[in-house]
Amino acid sequence: MIEIAIAGSIGGLIKSIFESKGRVVLPYIEIIKDKNNNSVPYVHLGFVSNMLLGAFISYYTMPNIASAFTTGISSAFLSEKLIESQIK
């Protein structure tokens, strides 16, 4: 089962590399303004979030390593879009 989580995690990393055009986005903190014009720190996890999502979803849904890798690529993309749509 650990192999499946690792394959999903690698799929999430590959997705992150493709999405950022060959670069890996490292985690960083950004100061943003909220609705009341207050400064709030916001943590961007970068490639780590894609790896975690890929590993988690692959571990719980996929039976073999090849499908876990593919799910790691696609699930990170789909999960990010779902989360972003809920925030707006």
PDB file of N, CA and C in Angstrom:
ATOM      1  N   MET A   1       0.814  -1.199   0.000  1.00  0.00           N
ATOM      2  CA  MET A   1       0.000   0.000   0.000  1.00  0.00           C
ATOM      3  C   MET A   1       0.857   1.262   0.000  1.00  0.00           C
ATOM      4  N   ILE A   2       2.020   1.204   0.627  1.00  0.00           N
ATOM      5  CA  ILE A   2       2.912   2.369   0.630  1.00  0.00           C
ATOM      6  C   ILE A   2       3.368   2.683  -0.793  1.00  0.00           C
ATOM      7  N   GLU A   3       3.588   1.664  -1.596  1.00  0.00           N
ATOM      8  CA  GLU A   3       4.012   1.875  -2.979  1.00  0.00           C
ATOM      9  C   GLU A   3       2.960   2.662  -3.757  1.00  0.00           C
ATOM     10  N   ILE A   4       1.691   2.389  -3.489  1.00  0.00           N
ATOM     11  CA  ILE A   4       0.606   3.092  -4.172  1.00  0.00           C
ATOM     12  C   ILE A   4       0.595   4.563  -3.766  1.00  0.00           C
ATOM     13  N   ALA A   5       0.780   4.841  -2.478  1.00  0.00           N
ATOM     14  CA  ALA A   5       0.832   6.227  -2.014  1.00  0.00           C
ATOM     15  C   ALA A   5       2.030   6.961  -2.613  1.00  0.00           C
ATOM     16  N   ILE A   6       3.163   6.298  -2.716  1.00  0.00           N
ATOM     17  CA  ILE A   6       4.356   6.913  -3.310  1.00  0.00           C
ATOM     18  C   ILE A   6       4.127   7.189  -4.795  1.00  0.00           C
ATOM     19  N   ALA A   7       3.513   6.250  -5.498  1.00  0.00           N
ATOM     20  CA  ALA A   7       3.224   6.456  -6.928  1.00  0.00           C
ATOM     21  C   ALA A   7       2.276   7.635  -7.115  1.00  0.00           C
ATOM     22  N   GLY A   8       1.257   7.743  -6.273  1.00  0.00           N
ATOM     23  CA  GLY A   8       0.342   8.882  -6.341  1.00  0.00           C
ATOM     24  C   GLY A   8       1.035  10.189  -6.026  1.00  0.00           C
ATOM     25  N   SER A   9       1.952  10.142  -5.080  1.00  0.00           N
ATOM     26  CA  SER A   9       2.715  11.331  -4.721  1.00  0.00           C
ATOM     27  C   SER A   9       3.620  11.779  -5.873  1.00  0.00           C
ATOM     28  N   ILE A  10       4.248  10.838  -6.530  1.00  0.00           N
ATOM     29  CA  ILE A  10       5.091  11.163  -7.695  1.00  0.00           C
ATOM     30  C   ILE A  10       4.226  11.721  -8.819  1.00  0.00           C
ATOM     31  N   GLY A  11       3.037  11.173  -8.996  1.00  0.00           N
ATOM     32  CA  GLY A  11       2.104  11.716  -9.988  1.00  0.00           C
ATOM     33  C   GLY A  11       1.747  13.161  -9.674  1.00  0.00           C
ATOM     34  N   GLY A  12       1.526  13.472  -8.399  1.00  0.00           N
ATOM     35  CA  GLY A  12       1.246  14.850  -7.992  1.00  0.00           C
ATOM     36  C   GLY A  12       2.419  15.775  -8.260  1.00  0.00           C
ATOM     37  N   LEU A  13       3.642  15.281  -8.053  1.00  0.00           N
ATOM     38  CA  LEU A  13       4.842  16.076  -8.347  1.00  0.00           C
ATOM     39  C   LEU A  13       4.959  16.340  -9.845  1.00  0.00           C
ATOM     40  N   ILE A  14       4.716  15.325 -10.660  1.00  0.00           N
ATOM     41  CA  ILE A  14       4.758  15.490 -12.119  1.00  0.00           C
ATOM     42  C   ILE A  14       3.721  16.514 -12.560  1.00  0.00           C
ATOM     43  N   LYS A  15       2.533  16.456 -11.983  1.00  0.00           N
ATOM     44  CA  LYS A  15       1.482  17.424 -12.301  1.00  0.00           C
ATOM     45  C   LYS A  15       1.933  18.834 -11.955  1.00  0.00           C
ATOM     46  N   SER A  16       2.592  18.986 -10.816  1.00  0.00           N
ATOM     47  CA  SER A  16       3.086  20.294 -10.393  1.00  0.00           C
ATOM     48  C   SER A  16       4.142  20.826 -11.359  1.00  0.00           C
ATOM     49  N   ILE A  17       5.010  19.960 -11.825  1.00  0.00           N
ATOM     50  CA  ILE A  17       6.055  20.364 -12.780  1.00  0.00           C
ATOM     51  C   ILE A  17       5.437  20.779 -14.110  1.00  0.00           C
ATOM     52  N   PHE A  18       4.476  20.013 -14.610  1.00  0.00           N
ATOM     53  CA  PHE A  18       3.808  20.371 -15.864  1.00  0.00           C
ATOM     54  C   PHE A  18       3.041  21.679 -15.740  1.00  0.00           C
ATOM     55  N   GLU A  19       2.366  21.846 -14.631  1.00  0.00           N
ATOM     56  CA  GLU A  19       1.538  23.035 -14.422  1.00  0.00           C
ATOM     57  C   GLU A  19       2.370  24.316 -14.355  1.00  0.00           C
ATOM     58  N   SER A  20       3.554  24.229 -13.790  1.00  0.00           N
ATOM     59  CA  SER A  20       4.390  25.424 -13.650  1.00  0.00           C
ATOM     60  C   SER A  20       5.474  25.498 -14.729  1.00  0.00           C
ATOM     61  N   LYS A  21       5.249  24.816 -15.840  1.00  0.00           N
ATOM     62  CA  LYS A  21       6.111  24.868 -17.031  1.00  0.00           C
ATOM     63  C   LYS A  21       7.564  24.490 -16.748  1.00  0.00           C
ATOM     64  N   GLY A  22       7.746  23.359 -16.097  1.00  0.00           N
ATOM     65  CA  GLY A  22       9.081  22.817 -15.886  1.00  0.00           C
ATOM     66  C   GLY A  22       9.752  23.238 -14.598  1.00  0.00           C
ATOM     67  N   ARG A  23       9.087  24.022 -13.789  1.00  0.00           N
ATOM     68  CA  ARG A  23       9.658  24.445 -12.510  1.00  0.00           C
ATOM     69  C   ARG A  23       8.880  23.809 -11.369  1.00  0.00           C
ATOM     70  N   VAL A  24       9.491  23.768 -10.213  1.00  0.00           N
ATOM     71  CA  VAL A  24       8.813  23.298  -9.013  1.00  0.00           C
ATOM     72  C   VAL A  24       8.569  24.518  -8.131  1.00  0.00           C
ATOM     73  N   VAL A  25       7.311  24.758  -7.805  1.00  0.00           N
ATOM     74  CA  VAL A  25       6.958  25.904  -6.969  1.00  0.00           C
ATOM     75  C   VAL A  25       7.127  25.500  -5.510  1.00  0.00           C
ATOM     76  N   LEU A  26       8.032  26.180  -4.830  1.00  0.00           N
ATOM     77  CA  LEU A  26       8.281  25.890  -3.425  1.00  0.00           C
ATOM     78  C   LEU A  26       7.222  26.550  -2.548  1.00  0.00           C
ATOM     79  N   PRO A  27       7.006  26.024  -1.354  1.00  0.00           N
ATOM     80  CA  PRO A  27       6.054  26.662  -0.440  1.00  0.00           C
ATOM     81  C   PRO A  27       6.514  28.071  -0.066  1.00  0.00           C
ATOM     82  N   TYR A  28       5.557  28.978   0.077  1.00  0.00           N
ATOM     83  CA  TYR A  28       5.863  30.347   0.486  1.00  0.00           C
ATOM     84  C   TYR A  28       4.659  30.972   1.175  1.00  0.00           C
ATOM     85  N   ILE A  29       4.896  32.085   1.849  1.00  0.00           N
ATOM     86  CA  ILE A  29       3.841  32.803   2.562  1.00  0.00           C
ATOM     87  C   ILE A  29       3.594  34.122   1.844  1.00  0.00           C
ATOM     88  N   GLU A  30       2.321  34.406   1.606  1.00  0.00           N
ATOM     89  CA  GLU A  30       1.921  35.647   0.940  1.00  0.00           C
ATOM     90  C   GLU A  30       1.012  36.415   1.893  1.00  0.00           C
ATOM     91  N   ILE A  31       1.188  37.720   1.954  1.00  0.00           N
ATOM     92  CA  ILE A  31       0.317  38.563   2.757  1.00  0.00           C
ATOM     93  C   ILE A  31      -0.790  39.081   1.837  1.00  0.00           C
ATOM     94  N   ILE A  32      -2.041  38.760   2.174  1.00  0.00           N
ATOM     95  CA  ILE A  32      -3.171  39.197   1.360  1.00  0.00           C
ATOM     96  C   ILE A  32      -4.101  40.057   2.198  1.00  0.00           C
ATOM     97  N   LYS A  33      -4.974  40.775   1.530  1.00  0.00           N
ATOM     98  CA  LYS A  33      -5.976  41.605   2.198  1.00  0.00           C
ATOM     99  C   LYS A  33      -7.301  40.843   2.222  1.00  0.00           C
ATOM    100  N   ASP A  34      -7.964  40.812   3.398  1.00  0.00           N
ATOM    101  CA  ASP A  34      -9.265  40.168   3.472  1.00  0.00           C
ATOM    102  C   ASP A  34     -10.368  41.187   3.181  1.00  0.00           C
ATOM    103  N   LYS A  35     -11.619  40.804   3.392  1.00  0.00           N
ATOM    104  CA  LYS A  35     -12.754  41.673   3.074  1.00  0.00           C
ATOM    105  C   LYS A  35     -12.750  42.962   3.882  1.00  0.00           C
ATOM    106  N   ASN A  36     -12.202  42.918   5.081  1.00  0.00           N
ATOM    107  CA  ASN A  36     -12.153  44.103   5.944  1.00  0.00           C
ATOM    108  C   ASN A  36     -10.859  44.900   5.780  1.00  0.00           C
ATOM    109  N   ASN A  37     -10.110  44.592   4.731  1.00  0.00           N
ATOM    110  CA  ASN A  37      -8.848  45.255   4.409  1.00  0.00           C
ATOM    111  C   ASN A  37      -7.771  45.023   5.475  1.00  0.00           C
ATOM    112  N   ASN A  38      -7.827  43.873   6.147  1.00  0.00           N
ATOM    113  CA  ASN A  38      -6.799  43.480   7.105  1.00  0.00           C
ATOM    114  C   ASN A  38      -5.764  42.618   6.400  1.00  0.00           C
ATOM    115  N   SER A  39      -4.508  42.746   6.801  1.00  0.00           N
ATOM    116  CA  SER A  39      -3.448  41.914   6.240  1.00  0.00           C
ATOM    117  C   SER A  39      -3.482  40.542   6.905  1.00  0.00           C
ATOM    118  N   VAL A  40      -3.545  39.501   6.078  1.00  0.00           N
ATOM    119  CA  VAL A  40      -3.629  38.133   6.576  1.00  0.00           C
ATOM    120  C   VAL A  40      -2.567  37.300   5.868  1.00  0.00           C
ATOM    121  N   PRO A  41      -1.741  36.557   6.622  1.00  0.00           N
ATOM    122  CA  PRO A  41      -0.772  35.679   5.954  1.00  0.00           C
ATOM    123  C   PRO A  41      -1.473  34.454   5.367  1.00  0.00           C
ATOM    124  N   TYR A  42      -1.112  34.106   4.149  1.00  0.00           N
ATOM    125  CA  TYR A  42      -1.691  32.962   3.444  1.00  0.00           C
ATOM    126  C   TYR A  42      -0.547  32.060   3.003  1.00  0.00           C
ATOM    127  N   VAL A  43      -0.606  30.800   3.371  1.00  0.00           N
ATOM    128  CA  VAL A  43       0.466  29.862   3.053  1.00  0.00           C
ATOM    129  C   VAL A  43       0.126  29.120   1.762  1.00  0.00           C
ATOM    130  N   HIS A  44       0.994  29.244   0.772  1.00  0.00           N
ATOM    131  CA  HIS A  44       0.894  28.468  -0.466  1.00  0.00           C
ATOM    132  C   HIS A  44       1.809  27.253  -0.304  1.00  0.00           C
ATOM    133  N   LEU A  45       1.267  26.063  -0.423  1.00  0.00           N
ATOM    134  CA  LEU A  45       2.066  24.859  -0.215  1.00  0.00           C
ATOM    135  C   LEU A  45       2.868  24.440  -1.441  1.00  0.00           C
ATOM    136  N   GLY A  46       2.577  25.008  -2.588  1.00  0.00           N
ATOM    137  CA  GLY A  46       3.333  24.690  -3.796  1.00  0.00           C
ATOM    138  C   GLY A  46       3.195  23.227  -4.185  1.00  0.00           C
ATOM    139  N   PHE A  47       4.303  22.607  -4.533  1.00  0.00           N
ATOM    140  CA  PHE A  47       4.287  21.222  -4.997  1.00  0.00           C
ATOM    141  C   PHE A  47       3.890  20.239  -3.897  1.00  0.00           C
ATOM    142  N   VAL A  48       4.052  20.629  -2.633  1.00  0.00           N
ATOM    143  CA  VAL A  48       3.731  19.738  -1.523  1.00  0.00           C
ATOM    144  C   VAL A  48       2.238  19.389  -1.512  1.00  0.00           C
ATOM    145  N   SER A  49       1.391  20.368  -1.817  1.00  0.00           N
ATOM    146  CA  SER A  49      -0.053  20.092  -1.819  1.00  0.00           C
ATOM    147  C   SER A  49      -0.421  19.074  -2.893  1.00  0.00           C
ATOM    148  N   ASN A  50       0.188  19.175  -4.070  1.00  0.00           N
ATOM    149  CA  ASN A  50      -0.091  18.201  -5.136  1.00  0.00           C
ATOM    150  C   ASN A  50       0.362  16.804  -4.745  1.00  0.00           C
ATOM    151  N   MET A  51       1.513  16.712  -4.094  1.00  0.00           N
ATOM    152  CA  MET A  51       2.014  15.410  -3.674  1.00  0.00           C
ATOM    153  C   MET A  51       1.119  14.792  -2.601  1.00  0.00           C
ATOM    154  N   LEU A  52       0.677  15.597  -1.645  1.00  0.00           N
ATOM    155  CA  LEU A  52      -0.200  15.082  -0.591  1.00  0.00           C
ATOM    156  C   LEU A  52      -1.552  14.631  -1.136  1.00  0.00           C
ATOM    157  N   LEU A  53      -2.145  15.449  -2.008  1.00  0.00           N
ATOM    158  CA  LEU A  53      -3.426  15.075  -2.604  1.00  0.00           C
ATOM    159  C   LEU A  53      -3.303  13.807  -3.445  1.00  0.00           C
ATOM    160  N   GLY A  54      -2.256  13.731  -4.255  1.00  0.00           N
ATOM    161  CA  GLY A  54      -2.048  12.545  -5.091  1.00  0.00           C
ATOM    162  C   GLY A  54      -1.857  11.288  -4.263  1.00  0.00           C
ATOM    163  N   ALA A  55      -1.063  11.391  -3.192  1.00  0.00           N
ATOM    164  CA  ALA A  55      -0.816  10.225  -2.335  1.00  0.00           C
ATOM    165  C   ALA A  55      -2.084   9.804  -1.610  1.00  0.00           C
ATOM    166  N   PHE A  56      -2.814  10.755  -1.051  1.00  0.00           N
ATOM    167  CA  PHE A  56      -4.010  10.445  -0.267  1.00  0.00           C
ATOM    168  C   PHE A  56      -5.096   9.798  -1.124  1.00  0.00           C
ATOM    169  N   ILE A  57      -5.398  10.408  -2.254  1.00  0.00           N
ATOM    170  CA  ILE A  57      -6.474   9.883  -3.098  1.00  0.00           C
ATOM    171  C   ILE A  57      -6.080   8.542  -3.722  1.00  0.00           C
ATOM    172  N   SER A  58      -4.845   8.405  -4.140  1.00  0.00           N
ATOM    173  CA  SER A  58      -4.394   7.129  -4.712  1.00  0.00           C
ATOM    174  C   SER A  58      -4.423   6.007  -3.684  1.00  0.00           C
ATOM    175  N   TYR A  59      -4.001   6.315  -2.477  1.00  0.00           N
ATOM    176  CA  TYR A  59      -3.969   5.292  -1.424  1.00  0.00           C
ATOM    177  C   TYR A  59      -5.353   4.713  -1.163  1.00  0.00           C
ATOM    178  N   TYR A  60      -6.366   5.566  -1.171  1.00  0.00           N
ATOM    179  CA  TYR A  60      -7.710   5.111  -0.828  1.00  0.00           C
ATOM    180  C   TYR A  60      -8.545   4.635  -2.015  1.00  0.00           C
ATOM    181  N   THR A  61      -8.091   4.870  -3.242  1.00  0.00           N
ATOM    182  CA  THR A  61      -8.949   4.505  -4.370  1.00  0.00           C
ATOM    183  C   THR A  61      -8.336   3.553  -5.388  1.00  0.00           C
ATOM    184  N   MET A  62      -7.041   3.432  -5.481  1.00  0.00           N
ATOM    185  CA  MET A  62      -6.437   2.682  -6.580  1.00  0.00           C
ATOM    186  C   MET A  62      -5.876   1.329  -6.151  1.00  0.00           C
ATOM    187  N   PRO A  63      -6.046   0.306  -7.006  1.00  0.00           N
ATOM    188  CA  PRO A  63      -5.569  -1.033  -6.667  1.00  0.00           C
ATOM    189  C   PRO A  63      -4.136  -1.339  -7.111  1.00  0.00           C
ATOM    190  N   ASN A  64      -3.585  -0.572  -8.074  1.00  0.00           N
ATOM    191  CA  ASN A  64      -2.221  -0.876  -8.527  1.00  0.00           C
ATOM    192  C   ASN A  64      -1.409   0.408  -8.745  1.00  0.00           C
ATOM    193  N   ILE A  65      -0.121   0.239  -8.953  1.00  0.00           N
ATOM    194  CA  ILE A  65       0.809   1.372  -8.998  1.00  0.00           C
ATOM    195  C   ILE A  65       0.596   2.241 -10.229  1.00  0.00           C
ATOM    196  N   ALA A  66       0.357   1.640 -11.387  1.00  0.00           N
ATOM    197  CA  ALA A  66       0.183   2.423 -12.616  1.00  0.00           C
ATOM    198  C   ALA A  66      -1.042   3.330 -12.527  1.00  0.00           C
ATOM    199  N   SER A  67      -2.131   2.787 -12.046  1.00  0.00           N
ATOM    200  CA  SER A  67      -3.323   3.618 -11.919  1.00  0.00           C
ATOM    201  C   SER A  67      -3.163   4.648 -10.799  1.00  0.00           C
ATOM    202  N   ALA A  68      -2.395   4.340  -9.776  1.00  0.00           N
ATOM    203  CA  ALA A  68      -2.140   5.299  -8.702  1.00  0.00           C
ATOM    204  C   ALA A  68      -1.343   6.494  -9.223  1.00  0.00           C
ATOM    205  N   PHE A  69      -0.366   6.229 -10.092  1.00  0.00           N
ATOM    206  CA  PHE A  69       0.423   7.305 -10.690  1.00  0.00           C
ATOM    207  C   PHE A  69      -0.465   8.224 -11.525  1.00  0.00           C
ATOM    208  N   THR A  70      -1.313   7.633 -12.358  1.00  0.00           N
ATOM    209  CA  THR A  70      -2.234   8.411 -13.187  1.00  0.00           C
ATOM    210  C   THR A  70      -3.226   9.183 -12.334  1.00  0.00           C
ATOM    211  N   THR A  71      -3.728   8.556 -11.298  1.00  0.00           N
ATOM    212  CA  THR A  71      -4.653   9.228 -10.395  1.00  0.00           C
ATOM    213  C   THR A  71      -3.958  10.364  -9.664  1.00  0.00           C
ATOM    214  N   GLY A  72      -2.693  10.204  -9.314  1.00  0.00           N
ATOM    215  CA  GLY A  72      -1.938  11.271  -8.668  1.00  0.00           C
ATOM    216  C   GLY A  72      -1.853  12.504  -9.538  1.00  0.00           C
ATOM    217  N   ILE A  73      -1.697  12.314 -10.832  1.00  0.00           N
ATOM    218  CA  ILE A  73      -1.644  13.449 -11.754  1.00  0.00           C
ATOM    219  C   ILE A  73      -3.009  14.124 -11.856  1.00  0.00           C
ATOM    220  N   SER A  74      -4.042  13.337 -12.082  1.00  0.00           N
ATOM    221  CA  SER A  74      -5.360  13.922 -12.329  1.00  0.00           C
ATOM    222  C   SER A  74      -6.078  14.358 -11.053  1.00  0.00           C
ATOM    223  N   SER A  75      -5.926  13.621  -9.965  1.00  0.00           N
ATOM    224  CA  SER A  75      -6.680  13.958  -8.755  1.00  0.00           C
ATOM    225  C   SER A  75      -6.218  15.266  -8.143  1.00  0.00           C
ATOM    226  N   ALA A  76      -4.938  15.562  -8.207  1.00  0.00           N
ATOM    227  CA  ALA A  76      -4.459  16.833  -7.671  1.00  0.00           C
ATOM    228  C   ALA A  76      -5.079  17.986  -8.459  1.00  0.00           C
ATOM    229  N   PHE A  77      -5.170  17.840  -9.773  1.00  0.00           N
ATOM    230  CA  PHE A  77      -5.778  18.884 -10.597  1.00  0.00           C
ATOM    231  C   PHE A  77      -7.257  19.050 -10.268  1.00  0.00           C
ATOM    232  N   LEU A  78      -7.981  17.947 -10.213  1.00  0.00           N
ATOM    233  CA  LEU A  78      -9.416  18.011  -9.935  1.00  0.00           C
ATOM    234  C   LEU A  78      -9.708  18.522  -8.528  1.00  0.00           C
ATOM    235  N   SER A  79      -8.928  18.087  -7.558  1.00  0.00           N
ATOM    236  CA  SER A  79      -9.137  18.533  -6.176  1.00  0.00           C
ATOM    237  C   SER A  79      -8.870  20.023  -6.020  1.00  0.00           C
ATOM    238  N   GLU A  80      -7.822  20.513  -6.664  1.00  0.00           N
ATOM    239  CA  GLU A  80      -7.532  21.951  -6.597  1.00  0.00           C
ATOM    240  C   GLU A  80      -8.675  22.762  -7.189  1.00  0.00           C
ATOM    241  N   LYS A  81      -9.193  22.349  -8.322  1.00  0.00           N
ATOM    242  CA  LYS A  81     -10.293  23.076  -8.958  1.00  0.00           C
ATOM    243  C   LYS A  81     -11.546  23.046  -8.081  1.00  0.00           C
ATOM    244  N   LEU A  82     -11.809  21.913  -7.448  1.00  0.00           N
ATOM    245  CA  LEU A  82     -12.963  21.809  -6.559  1.00  0.00           C
ATOM    246  C   LEU A  82     -12.811  22.729  -5.349  1.00  0.00           C
ATOM    247  N   ILE A  83     -11.638  22.753  -4.751  1.00  0.00           N
ATOM    248  CA  ILE A  83     -11.385  23.615  -3.597  1.00  0.00           C
ATOM    249  C   ILE A  83     -11.489  25.087  -3.991  1.00  0.00           C
ATOM    250  N   GLU A  84     -10.897  25.449  -5.120  1.00  0.00           N
ATOM    251  CA  GLU A  84     -10.959  26.843  -5.571  1.00  0.00           C
ATOM    252  C   GLU A  84     -12.394  27.286  -5.854  1.00  0.00           C
ATOM    253  N   SER A  85     -13.211  26.390  -6.382  1.00  0.00           N
ATOM    254  CA  SER A  85     -14.597  26.757  -6.662  1.00  0.00           C
ATOM    255  C   SER A  85     -15.405  26.944  -5.381  1.00  0.00           C
ATOM    256  N   GLN A  86     -15.039  26.255  -4.321  1.00  0.00           N
ATOM    257  CA  GLN A  86     -15.733  26.395  -3.053  1.00  0.00           C
ATOM    258  C   GLN A  86     -15.321  27.660  -2.308  1.00  0.00           C
ATOM    259  N   ILE A  87     -14.117  28.140  -2.538  1.00  0.00           N
ATOM    260  CA  ILE A  87     -13.629  29.340  -1.845  1.00  0.00           C
ATOM    261  C   ILE A  87     -14.263  30.597  -2.426  1.00  0.00           C
ATOM    262  N   LYS A  88     -14.467  30.654  -3.726  1.00  0.00           N
ATOM    263  CA  LYS A  88     -14.976  31.861  -4.372  1.00  0.00           C
ATOM    264  C   LYS A  88     -16.418  32.097  -4.127  1.00  0.00           C
TER     265      LYS A  88
END
